[in-house]
Structures are given as structure tokens and as C-alpha cells.
Amino acid sequence: MTKRILVIDDDPDIGALLKEYLGRYGFEVEVKASARAGLQQLACQRMDLIVLDVRLPDEDGFELLSELRQRWEIPVILLTGLEESADRVVGLELGADDYLTKPFDPRELLARIRAVLRRYQHAQTVWPEKEYHFAGYRLLPDRRTLMLPGGECQRLSRSELRLLLAFLRHSGQLLSRERLLELSHPHGEEVFDRSIDVQVLRLRRKLGDDGSLIFTERGEGYRFTAEVETD
């Protein structure tokens, strides 16, 4: 099946380049120059991946990324400025799947698009039906839902769920960053940013954790401290 890619970038040269280049490799590419036009495109057509510039004329790209994460489960690759390292960190914290700095080689973008799409394809695995209970929390993996002690429900992304399951299945063990990447990114898929710390930060926010559940062993990795039960 042909994969559809939405490019949201107000630079007409980049839009034309990506439409022509990615089209050569079998992708169907739509290019929109604003956040509003991008959202309208998503509302009327299924897209498989978004290439998003963080500097848009009508809306901050990070605000758009946050909105995308709330409404759709679509992989997002950010385009950022060469010197704007803070942008990359913020983007990853908000849920971007990867990033690329401008100017970029379209061959590298193609490789990253393929890698991210493979990651999402592998993530279509059927989640376990059993529930996990820990420290007053209840995790329902097949629904990707986390119920907090106070009764609030949190919807987890695929990456957040895989990371949480890695912790739950190895509770009490010290897990290095490399080991966590292996456990939460199966099938030997490549992770470009190596930002396990950012992923842990996102998961902690969903848990409302101050570091007592997922404890940081400085220079070593992370340890999940709660006792875990399943049924």
C-alpha cells in the first residue's frame, strides 16, 4: 500500500523538493504551507507520516505537534534549525519521533522516514490482555490506558507503553539506557536520537512521578521501584 506523507513547511523550495524526491521512491506526498492547512488535510485524508517544520507562519510548530499528539497517532519527523538544539529537545519531549536539521540531505530524510515507518509497523503488535497493578496504578496494555491512583485515566502512546512495560517486567532491576532501548525498541530497529532520558521524562509526566517510581541511578540508568502484580 502506498504510504502518504504530509509535509508542513512554508518554504516552497523544500516542499517541491520533497514532493519530487520522495515521489520517486513510491510515496504519495502532500505539501501544506501552514498549520491550519495541514490540519485540514489530516481531517479529510489518512496520512502515514508528517514532516513538520518547527517555524510556521500561522502557528508555532511545537503547539501544532502537541495538538497532533492529542488527536492522531501519526509519526512526526521535525525539521529544525542547525543551531537550535533546544528545539530538538522540546520536540522530543512533546512526542516527535525523530528530527532533522536544516539544511538536510533528502537521502537522510528518506532513511529516517523509512526507519520511523518500520518502527510504527512493528508497534502494531497485539498488546497483552493481562492487567498490571503497581503502587495504586492500573495498566491496561490492550487499551493503552493507565489508570492513576486518583481515578484519572491517561492514554499512552505506543512508545510510552513499551517503555512502561519494560520497567514493569523488570521491576527492581537496574536498567542501563542501552538495555532500556533494547527492551522498548524491539526488532533491532534503529533509534537515531538515543534520547531514552527524554522518553523517561515523558513517561514520568504521564505517571505524575517525581522520581520515586522510576528512580535515576546517576551514570548507570534507571530502576523501577514499585512491586508489580498481574491478573
Protein backbone atom coordinates (compact mmCIF):
# COMPACT_ATOMS: atom_id res chain seq x y z
CA MET A 1 0.00 0.00 0.00
CA THR A 2 1.31 3.45 -0.92
CA LYS A 3 2.38 5.46 2.09
CA ARG A 4 1.11 9.04 2.30
CA ILE A 5 3.38 11.73 3.71
CA LEU A 6 2.25 15.19 4.74
CA VAL A 7 4.92 17.90 4.58
CA ILE A 8 4.03 21.03 6.58
CA ASP A 9 6.59 23.67 5.63
CA ASP A 10 6.16 27.19 4.27
CA ASP A 11 9.35 27.04 2.20
CA PRO A 12 8.14 26.31 -1.35
CA ASP A 13 11.56 25.04 -2.44
CA ILE A 14 11.63 22.41 0.31
CA GLY A 15 8.05 21.42 -0.42
CA ALA A 16 8.74 20.96 -4.13
CA LEU A 17 11.99 19.08 -3.46
CA LEU A 18 10.38 16.60 -1.07
CA LYS A 19 7.32 16.06 -3.25
CA GLU A 20 9.52 15.21 -6.25
CA TYR A 21 12.23 13.27 -4.39
CA LEU A 22 10.03 11.17 -2.13
CA GLY A 23 7.64 10.56 -5.00
CA ARG A 24 10.46 8.80 -6.82
CA TYR A 25 10.52 6.21 -4.04
CA GLY A 26 6.84 5.42 -4.13
CA PHE A 27 5.49 7.87 -1.54
CA GLU A 28 2.43 10.00 -2.10
CA VAL A 29 3.32 13.47 -0.80
CA GLU A 30 1.03 16.35 0.12
CA VAL A 31 2.63 19.70 0.90
CA LYS A 32 0.96 22.38 3.03
CA ALA A 33 2.45 25.75 3.92
CA SER A 34 0.66 26.37 7.23
CA ALA A 35 -0.54 24.62 10.37
CA ARG A 36 -4.19 25.30 9.51
CA ALA A 37 -3.83 23.82 6.02
CA GLY A 38 -2.04 20.80 7.48
CA LEU A 39 -4.85 20.16 9.98
CA GLN A 40 -7.45 20.47 7.22
CA GLN A 41 -5.54 17.89 5.17
CA LEU A 42 -5.44 15.49 8.12
CA ALA A 43 -9.16 15.92 8.69
CA CYS A 44 -10.04 14.75 5.20
CA GLN A 45 -7.34 12.20 4.32
CA ARG A 46 -5.42 9.49 6.15
CA MET A 47 -1.70 10.20 6.32
CA ASP A 48 1.04 7.79 7.39
CA LEU A 49 3.73 10.28 8.47
CA ILE A 50 4.22 14.02 8.91
CA VAL A 51 7.35 16.03 8.17
CA LEU A 52 6.89 19.20 10.24
CA ASP A 53 8.87 22.44 10.20
CA VAL A 54 9.00 23.99 13.67
CA ARG A 55 8.81 27.52 12.23
CA LEU A 56 5.43 28.10 10.61
CA PRO A 57 3.78 31.41 9.65
CA ASP A 58 0.48 30.93 11.47
CA GLU A 59 1.31 28.74 14.50
CA ASP A 60 4.28 27.58 16.49
CA GLY A 61 5.32 24.14 15.26
CA PHE A 62 5.54 22.83 18.81
CA GLU A 63 1.95 23.84 19.52
CA LEU A 64 0.90 22.03 16.37
CA LEU A 65 2.91 18.96 17.40
CA SER A 66 1.16 18.92 20.77
CA GLU A 67 -2.23 19.14 19.06
CA LEU A 68 -1.32 16.37 16.64
CA ARG A 69 -0.35 14.09 19.54
CA GLN A 70 -3.70 14.69 21.22
CA ARG A 71 -5.79 13.98 18.12
CA TRP A 72 -3.92 11.45 15.99
CA GLU A 73 -1.36 8.68 16.29
CA ILE A 74 0.82 9.61 13.34
CA PRO A 75 4.63 9.56 13.37
CA VAL A 76 6.19 13.01 13.15
CA ILE A 77 9.67 14.00 11.99
CA LEU A 78 10.67 17.57 12.85
CA LEU A 79 12.72 19.90 10.69
CA THR A 80 14.72 22.26 12.93
CA GLY A 81 17.36 24.94 12.54
CA LEU A 82 21.00 23.89 12.54
CA GLU A 83 21.88 25.70 15.79
CA GLU A 84 18.58 25.22 17.58
CA SER A 85 19.43 22.23 19.79
CA ALA A 86 16.85 23.34 22.36
CA ASP A 87 14.17 22.94 19.68
CA ARG A 88 15.12 19.32 19.21
CA VAL A 89 14.88 18.56 22.93
CA VAL A 90 11.49 20.29 23.21
CA GLY A 91 10.23 18.44 20.15
CA LEU A 92 11.25 15.06 21.53
CA GLU A 93 9.63 15.85 24.87
CA LEU A 94 6.38 16.67 23.05
CA GLY A 95 6.43 13.34 21.25
CA ALA A 96 8.28 13.80 17.97
CA ASP A 97 9.63 10.51 16.62
CA ASP A 98 12.79 11.96 15.09
CA TYR A 99 14.26 15.23 13.85
CA LEU A 100 16.49 16.53 11.10
CA THR A 101 18.34 19.84 10.94
CA LYS A 102 18.21 22.23 8.01
CA PRO A 103 19.84 22.20 5.55
CA PHE A 104 19.46 18.45 5.13
CA ASP A 105 20.23 15.75 2.63
CA PRO A 106 16.96 14.33 1.26
CA ARG A 107 18.59 10.89 1.26
CA GLU A 108 18.95 11.09 5.03
CA LEU A 109 15.34 12.19 5.43
CA LEU A 110 14.25 9.24 3.28
CA ALA A 111 16.23 6.86 5.52
CA ARG A 112 14.66 8.33 8.66
CA ILE A 113 11.16 8.17 7.18
CA ARG A 114 11.63 4.50 6.38
CA ALA A 115 13.04 3.79 9.86
CA VAL A 116 10.17 5.54 11.64
CA LEU A 117 7.56 3.81 9.49
CA ARG A 118 9.18 0.43 10.25
CA ARG A 119 9.02 1.29 13.94
CA TYR A 120 5.30 2.03 13.73
CA GLN A 121 4.67 -1.11 11.71
CA HIS A 122 6.40 -3.23 14.35
CA ALA A 123 4.37 -1.46 17.03
CA GLN A 124 1.14 -2.86 15.61
CA THR A 125 1.77 -5.96 17.74
CA VAL A 126 -1.19 -7.14 19.78
CA TRP A 127 -0.65 -5.90 23.31
CA PRO A 128 -1.04 -8.34 26.22
CA GLU A 129 -4.57 -8.56 27.61
CA LYS A 130 -3.50 -9.01 31.23
CA GLU A 131 -3.55 -6.04 33.54
CA TYR A 132 -0.67 -4.72 35.61
CA HIS A 133 -1.10 -3.26 39.09
CA PHE A 134 1.55 -1.22 40.91
CA ALA A 135 1.57 1.46 43.61
CA GLY A 136 -2.16 2.15 43.14
CA TYR A 137 -1.89 2.31 39.34
CA ARG A 138 -3.67 0.01 36.91
CA LEU A 139 -2.31 -0.52 33.40
CA LEU A 140 -4.49 -1.98 30.63
CA PRO A 141 -1.99 -2.62 27.81
CA ASP A 142 -4.54 -3.78 25.23
CA ARG A 143 -6.31 -0.41 25.58
CA ARG A 144 -3.06 1.54 26.07
CA THR A 145 -4.70 3.07 29.14
CA LEU A 146 -3.13 3.89 32.50
CA MET A 147 -5.45 4.47 35.45
CA LEU A 148 -3.88 6.68 38.11
CA PRO A 149 -4.43 6.21 41.85
CA GLY A 150 -6.86 9.14 41.95
CA GLY A 151 -9.04 7.64 39.22
CA GLU A 152 -7.78 9.74 36.31
CA CYS A 153 -7.09 7.89 33.05
CA GLN A 154 -4.08 8.53 30.85
CA ARG A 155 -3.85 7.42 27.23
CA LEU A 156 -0.32 6.19 26.45
CA SER A 157 1.45 6.39 23.12
CA ARG A 158 2.95 3.19 21.76
CA SER A 159 6.46 4.23 22.75
CA GLU A 160 5.32 5.19 26.26
CA LEU A 161 3.55 1.86 26.69
CA ARG A 162 6.54 -0.15 25.51
CA LEU A 163 8.82 1.73 27.88
CA LEU A 164 6.45 1.27 30.83
CA LEU A 165 6.09 -2.45 30.07
CA ALA A 166 9.89 -2.76 30.03
CA PHE A 167 10.00 -1.27 33.53
CA LEU A 168 7.12 -3.37 34.83
CA ARG A 169 8.60 -6.62 33.51
CA HIS A 170 11.97 -5.83 35.08
CA SER A 171 10.84 -4.16 38.30
CA GLY A 172 13.63 -3.76 40.84
CA GLN A 173 16.37 -4.25 38.25
CA LEU A 174 18.89 -1.59 37.32
CA LEU A 175 18.41 -1.00 33.59
CA SER A 176 21.05 0.88 31.65
CA ARG A 177 19.98 3.28 28.92
CA GLU A 178 21.22 0.82 26.29
CA ARG A 179 19.17 -2.00 27.84
CA LEU A 180 16.05 0.14 28.00
CA LEU A 181 16.44 0.98 24.32
CA GLU A 182 16.70 -2.72 23.52
CA LEU A 183 13.61 -3.56 25.57
CA SER A 184 11.44 -0.68 24.37
CA HIS A 185 12.54 -0.65 20.70
CA PRO A 186 12.35 -4.30 19.61
CA HIS A 187 13.11 -5.94 16.27
CA GLY A 188 16.54 -4.28 16.07
CA GLU A 189 15.04 -1.01 14.90
CA GLU A 190 17.36 1.96 14.80
CA VAL A 191 16.86 4.87 17.16
CA PHE A 192 18.63 7.94 15.86
CA ASP A 193 18.41 10.30 18.80
CA ARG A 194 19.32 7.87 21.62
CA SER A 195 17.11 10.02 23.84
CA ILE A 196 15.97 7.47 26.40
CA ASP A 197 16.17 10.20 29.05
CA VAL A 198 13.58 12.24 27.15
CA GLN A 199 11.32 9.21 26.82
CA VAL A 200 11.58 8.51 30.55
CA LEU A 201 10.74 12.16 31.26
CA ARG A 202 7.58 11.91 29.14
CA LEU A 203 6.54 8.71 30.88
CA ARG A 204 7.14 10.23 34.32
CA ARG A 205 4.81 13.09 33.40
CA LYS A 206 2.06 10.64 32.47
CA LEU A 207 2.57 8.82 35.77
CA GLY A 208 2.78 12.01 37.79
CA ASP A 209 6.04 10.58 39.11
CA ASP A 210 8.55 12.71 40.99
CA GLY A 211 11.31 10.16 40.53
CA SER A 212 10.27 7.80 43.28
CA LEU A 213 8.69 5.24 40.91
CA ILE A 214 11.32 5.45 38.18
CA PHE A 215 14.45 6.12 40.16
CA THR A 216 17.53 7.53 38.44
CA GLU A 217 20.81 5.78 39.23
CA ARG A 218 23.22 8.53 38.22
CA GLY A 219 25.59 7.43 35.50
CA GLU A 220 24.05 3.94 35.50
CA GLY A 221 20.46 4.07 34.29
CA TYR A 222 17.02 3.64 35.84
CA ARG A 223 15.32 1.36 38.36
CA PHE A 224 11.58 0.81 38.69
CA THR A 225 10.90 0.64 42.42
CA ALA A 226 7.27 -0.49 42.81
CA GLU A 227 6.09 -4.06 43.30
CA VAL A 228 4.14 -5.27 40.28
CA GLU A 229 1.20 -7.69 40.15
CA THR A 230 -0.63 -9.04 37.11
CA ASP A 231 -4.02 -10.64 36.56
